[in-house]
Amino acid sequence: MPLDPKSFQYDLDTATGVATITLDRPERLNALTFEVYRELRETFLALDTEPGVRTILLTGAGKAFCSGGDVEDIIGALFERDYRGLLEFTRDTGALILAMLRCRRPIVGALNGTVAGAGAVIASACDVRIAAEEAKIAFLFTKVGLSGADMGASWLLPKIVGMGRAMELLMTGDFIDAQEAWRIGLYNRVVAGGQLAAEARGWAERLARGPAFGLEITKKLVLREAAMDMESALAAEVEIQAACMEHSDFREAYEAFSEKRRPNFA
């Protein structure tokens, strides 16, 4: 049965294999509700095996990518919960990030505007981040009296920008502009707002044309080896690379090179 989320837009381009998720509450800067969290998690879990999907493009409608949890729909409601209820919510938010990281499809984030709070962590969980010049970003949690270590931010961010930069961003909660985010490695590319859709789509289609199995293994090992010593990482890589050499994509790449054509990966 095709995916049909109700709290955001979803579209699959069967010609390219690019699945597009568009957060669609522009009047609230695409703030997250309990329902959006749930459907996003379920969607990324489904996209791990959804037929025809080769890459995922995640973006927002309007002036923001995602401004974090909705103050009215989430924050206010949390004050009515006891610790068990709060823990249920925080586990749900973490489960979304885990679903993104475990999804075998490459995820391209098209950051069209403000990226804040939970939205900043969701952006960090994308494999590639293409940002518009207007896409300022902040991990706002300490600004509202919470820990900057939320939804996996304290694990993800140091691996992207380094310990010192991550500590600064997570402790202050301050916004940085898109150029600064690019300079420290948080954004992969920054383009004019009018060029974002085409640039991000180009990245998604480029990855969709790549070797799906090879990209899946690359994503898994980059994440897994973060917790390994060098010897264990090398042992894992030599074994999986040998397995990749048995995959049909390896021969297809060789034959395409010999025949001077673009490879057609499985």
Protein backbone atom coordinates (compact mmCIF):
# COMPACT_ATOMS: atom_id res chain seq x y z
CA MET A 1 0.00 0.00 0.00
CA PRO A 2 1.49 3.40 -0.97
CA LEU A 3 2.50 5.79 1.79
CA ASP A 4 -0.16 8.39 2.55
CA PRO A 5 0.83 10.59 5.52
CA LYS A 6 -1.70 13.21 6.62
CA SER A 7 0.47 15.73 8.45
CA PHE A 8 2.95 16.54 5.65
CA GLN A 9 3.30 16.12 1.90
CA TYR A 10 4.80 12.97 0.39
CA ASP A 11 5.59 12.27 -3.24
CA LEU A 12 7.52 9.52 -5.03
CA ASP A 13 8.94 10.21 -8.47
CA THR A 14 8.94 6.70 -9.90
CA ALA A 15 11.12 7.77 -12.83
CA THR A 16 14.04 8.82 -10.61
CA GLY A 17 13.35 6.97 -7.35
CA VAL A 18 13.38 10.23 -5.35
CA ALA A 19 10.85 10.31 -2.51
CA THR A 20 10.11 13.87 -1.33
CA ILE A 21 8.85 14.73 2.15
CA THR A 22 7.69 18.32 2.57
CA LEU A 23 6.84 19.59 6.06
CA ASP A 24 3.67 21.51 5.44
CA ARG A 25 2.66 23.86 8.25
CA PRO A 26 4.08 27.07 6.78
CA GLU A 27 1.86 29.29 8.93
CA ARG A 28 3.61 27.76 12.00
CA LEU A 29 7.09 27.67 10.40
CA ASN A 30 6.62 23.91 10.03
CA ALA A 31 6.64 23.42 13.78
CA LEU A 32 6.30 19.81 14.85
CA THR A 33 3.24 18.32 16.51
CA PHE A 34 2.86 14.94 18.19
CA GLU A 35 1.24 13.72 14.97
CA VAL A 36 4.04 15.03 12.73
CA TYR A 37 6.64 13.32 14.91
CA ARG A 38 4.71 10.04 14.74
CA GLU A 39 4.12 10.12 11.00
CA LEU A 40 7.68 11.16 10.21
CA ARG A 41 9.02 8.25 12.24
CA GLU A 42 6.62 5.79 10.60
CA THR A 43 7.44 7.16 7.15
CA PHE A 44 11.22 6.84 7.53
CA LEU A 45 10.76 3.31 8.89
CA ALA A 46 8.66 2.45 5.84
CA LEU A 47 11.03 4.12 3.38
CA ASP A 48 13.80 1.78 4.48
CA THR A 49 12.13 -0.93 2.39
CA GLU A 50 9.59 0.94 0.23
CA PRO A 51 9.80 -0.40 -3.36
CA GLY A 52 11.07 2.05 -5.94
CA VAL A 53 12.63 4.48 -3.43
CA ARG A 54 16.35 5.16 -3.94
CA THR A 55 16.80 8.55 -2.25
CA ILE A 56 14.79 10.74 0.14
CA LEU A 57 14.54 14.53 -0.16
CA LEU A 58 13.36 16.31 3.01
CA THR A 59 12.32 19.98 2.93
CA GLY A 60 9.78 22.47 4.23
CA ALA A 61 7.05 24.63 2.77
CA GLY A 62 7.17 28.41 3.10
CA LYS A 63 9.86 30.39 4.92
CA ALA A 64 11.16 27.70 7.27
CA PHE A 65 12.54 24.19 7.14
CA CYS A 66 11.38 23.39 10.67
CA SER A 67 11.21 25.61 13.76
CA GLY A 68 11.11 22.73 16.24
CA GLY A 69 8.33 21.61 18.55
CA ASP A 70 5.13 23.64 18.36
CA VAL A 71 4.85 25.82 21.48
CA GLU A 72 1.06 25.50 21.59
CA ASP A 73 0.55 21.92 20.44
CA ILE A 74 3.51 20.29 22.20
CA ILE A 75 5.25 22.48 24.76
CA GLY A 76 2.08 23.50 26.58
CA ALA A 77 0.79 19.93 26.62
CA LEU A 78 4.01 18.61 28.15
CA PHE A 79 3.39 20.55 31.38
CA GLU A 80 0.37 18.30 31.97
CA ARG A 81 2.46 15.12 31.88
CA ASP A 82 4.24 13.31 34.70
CA TYR A 83 7.78 11.96 34.28
CA ARG A 84 6.58 8.75 32.65
CA GLY A 85 4.58 10.74 30.10
CA LEU A 86 7.51 13.06 29.41
CA LEU A 87 9.81 10.09 28.94
CA GLU A 88 7.36 8.60 26.45
CA PHE A 89 7.57 11.83 24.42
CA THR A 90 11.36 12.11 24.49
CA ARG A 91 11.68 8.47 23.48
CA ASP A 92 9.36 9.14 20.53
CA THR A 93 11.47 12.09 19.37
CA GLY A 94 14.66 10.06 19.63
CA ALA A 95 13.01 7.22 17.71
CA LEU A 96 12.49 9.58 14.74
CA ILE A 97 16.22 10.33 14.54
CA LEU A 98 17.05 6.64 14.89
CA ALA A 99 14.67 5.83 12.04
CA MET A 100 16.44 8.38 9.85
CA LEU A 101 19.89 7.08 10.70
CA ARG A 102 18.90 3.46 10.18
CA CYS A 103 17.12 4.14 6.89
CA ARG A 104 19.21 2.57 4.14
CA ARG A 105 18.23 5.26 1.61
CA PRO A 106 20.40 8.40 1.43
CA ILE A 107 18.58 11.44 2.88
CA VAL A 108 19.16 14.89 1.38
CA GLY A 109 17.99 17.82 3.49
CA ALA A 110 16.89 20.88 1.48
CA LEU A 111 16.96 23.56 4.16
CA ASN A 112 14.80 26.30 2.72
CA GLY A 113 14.67 28.62 5.74
CA THR A 114 14.86 28.71 9.54
CA VAL A 115 16.21 25.50 11.09
CA ALA A 116 15.68 25.47 14.86
CA GLY A 117 15.48 23.17 17.86
CA ALA A 118 14.24 19.73 16.88
CA GLY A 119 14.39 20.90 13.26
CA ALA A 120 18.14 21.41 13.63
CA VAL A 121 18.58 17.85 14.90
CA ILE A 122 16.43 16.47 12.07
CA ALA A 123 18.61 18.40 9.61
CA SER A 124 21.73 16.98 11.27
CA ALA A 125 20.37 13.46 10.81
CA CYS A 126 20.21 13.98 7.04
CA ASP A 127 23.17 12.55 5.14
CA VAL A 128 23.66 15.69 3.02
CA ARG A 129 22.44 19.21 3.85
CA ILE A 130 21.87 21.74 1.05
CA ALA A 131 20.81 25.12 2.43
CA ALA A 132 19.36 28.36 1.16
CA GLU A 133 21.14 31.56 2.12
CA GLU A 134 18.24 32.30 4.48
CA ALA A 135 18.63 29.02 6.41
CA LYS A 136 19.94 30.18 9.79
CA ILE A 137 20.22 27.36 12.32
CA ALA A 138 20.13 27.01 16.11
CA PHE A 139 19.98 24.18 18.62
CA LEU A 140 17.68 26.14 20.91
CA PHE A 141 17.24 23.71 23.79
CA THR A 142 19.22 25.58 26.44
CA LYS A 143 17.31 28.76 25.54
CA VAL A 144 14.19 27.14 27.00
CA GLY A 145 15.93 25.69 30.05
CA LEU A 146 16.58 22.21 28.66
CA SER A 147 19.71 20.23 27.87
CA GLY A 148 21.41 20.77 24.54
CA ALA A 149 21.77 16.97 24.49
CA ASP A 150 18.41 16.22 22.89
CA MET A 151 17.28 13.78 20.20
CA GLY A 152 20.87 12.64 19.67
CA ALA A 153 22.25 16.14 19.06
CA SER A 154 25.23 15.63 21.37
CA TRP A 155 26.17 12.47 19.43
CA LEU A 156 25.54 13.80 15.92
CA LEU A 157 26.86 17.33 16.07
CA PRO A 158 30.44 16.68 17.28
CA LYS A 159 30.84 14.19 14.44
CA ILE A 160 29.81 16.84 11.92
CA VAL A 161 31.53 20.00 13.21
CA GLY A 162 33.90 18.80 15.94
CA MET A 163 33.68 18.85 19.73
CA GLY A 164 34.47 22.54 20.27
CA ARG A 165 31.98 23.88 17.72
CA ALA A 166 29.32 21.45 18.88
CA MET A 167 29.78 22.46 22.52
CA GLU A 168 29.38 26.12 21.58
CA LEU A 169 26.24 25.55 19.52
CA LEU A 170 24.61 23.24 22.06
CA MET A 171 25.48 25.32 25.14
CA THR A 172 24.54 28.75 23.79
CA GLY A 173 21.59 27.79 21.61
CA ASP A 174 22.49 30.76 19.41
CA PHE A 175 21.57 31.05 15.75
CA ILE A 176 24.32 31.04 13.16
CA ASP A 177 23.75 32.08 9.56
CA ALA A 178 24.02 29.77 6.58
CA GLN A 179 27.50 30.88 5.58
CA GLU A 180 28.86 30.19 9.05
CA ALA A 181 27.11 26.81 9.10
CA TRP A 182 28.78 26.01 5.77
CA ARG A 183 32.17 27.25 6.99
CA ILE A 184 32.17 24.88 9.98
CA GLY A 185 30.92 21.94 7.92
CA LEU A 186 27.34 21.78 9.20
CA TYR A 187 25.98 22.55 5.72
CA ASN A 188 27.40 20.83 2.64
CA ARG A 189 26.32 23.58 0.24
CA VAL A 190 24.71 27.03 0.48
CA VAL A 191 22.90 28.45 -2.55
CA ALA A 192 20.56 31.32 -3.33
CA GLY A 193 17.02 30.57 -2.20
CA GLY A 194 15.73 30.44 -5.74
CA GLN A 195 18.29 27.77 -6.64
CA LEU A 196 17.72 25.51 -3.64
CA ALA A 197 15.04 23.25 -5.10
CA ALA A 198 17.04 22.49 -8.23
CA GLU A 199 20.34 22.05 -6.35
CA ALA A 200 18.89 19.72 -3.74
CA ARG A 201 16.91 17.80 -6.33
CA GLY A 202 20.08 17.39 -8.37
CA TRP A 203 21.86 15.88 -5.37
CA ALA A 204 18.95 13.54 -4.66
CA GLU A 205 18.82 12.35 -8.27
CA ARG A 206 22.59 11.94 -8.40
CA LEU A 207 22.52 9.68 -5.34
CA ALA A 208 19.48 7.85 -6.71
CA ARG A 209 21.55 6.92 -9.77
CA GLY A 210 24.31 5.56 -7.57
CA PRO A 211 24.81 1.98 -6.36
CA ALA A 212 22.04 1.50 -3.80
CA PHE A 213 23.81 -1.31 -1.96
CA GLY A 214 27.13 0.51 -1.87
CA LEU A 215 25.51 3.69 -0.56
CA GLU A 216 23.57 1.74 2.07
CA ILE A 217 26.76 0.10 3.34
CA THR A 218 28.63 3.41 3.31
CA LYS A 219 25.97 5.04 5.49
CA LYS A 220 25.83 2.11 7.90
CA LEU A 221 29.58 1.85 8.35
CA VAL A 222 30.18 5.60 8.74
CA LEU A 223 27.71 5.53 11.63
CA ARG A 224 28.79 2.19 13.07
CA GLU A 225 32.51 2.89 12.97
CA ALA A 226 32.06 5.99 15.12
CA ALA A 227 31.97 3.60 18.08
CA MET A 228 34.83 1.33 16.90
CA ASP A 229 38.57 1.36 17.31
CA MET A 230 40.69 1.41 14.16
CA GLU A 231 41.35 -2.33 14.12
CA SER A 232 37.66 -3.18 14.44
CA ALA A 233 36.73 -0.63 11.77
CA LEU A 234 39.26 -2.06 9.30
CA ALA A 235 38.07 -5.59 10.01
CA ALA A 236 34.48 -4.56 9.26
CA GLU A 237 35.45 -2.72 6.09
CA VAL A 238 37.55 -5.48 4.55
CA GLU A 239 34.75 -8.00 5.04
CA ILE A 240 31.94 -5.83 3.69
CA GLN A 241 34.02 -4.57 0.76
CA ALA A 242 34.66 -8.15 -0.30
CA ALA A 243 30.90 -8.72 -0.19
CA CYS A 244 30.33 -5.58 -2.28
CA MET A 245 32.73 -6.96 -4.88
CA GLU A 246 30.34 -9.90 -5.35
CA HIS A 247 27.42 -7.54 -5.99
CA SER A 248 26.26 -7.01 -9.58
CA ASP A 249 26.87 -3.25 -9.28
CA PHE A 250 30.63 -3.78 -9.15
CA ARG A 251 30.64 -5.62 -12.48
CA GLU A 252 28.19 -3.11 -13.96
CA ALA A 253 30.54 -0.23 -13.07
CA TYR A 254 33.44 -2.05 -14.74
CA GLU A 255 31.47 -2.85 -17.88
CA ALA A 256 30.13 0.70 -18.11
CA PHE A 257 33.67 2.06 -17.86
CA SER A 258 34.86 -0.32 -20.56
CA GLU A 259 31.96 0.61 -22.82
CA LYS A 260 32.29 4.33 -22.06
CA ARG A 261 28.72 4.74 -20.79
CA ARG A 262 26.96 5.66 -17.55
CA PRO A 263 26.47 2.65 -15.25
CA ASN A 264 22.95 1.39 -14.67
CA PHE A 265 23.05 0.22 -11.08
CA ALA A 266 20.52 -2.27 -9.73
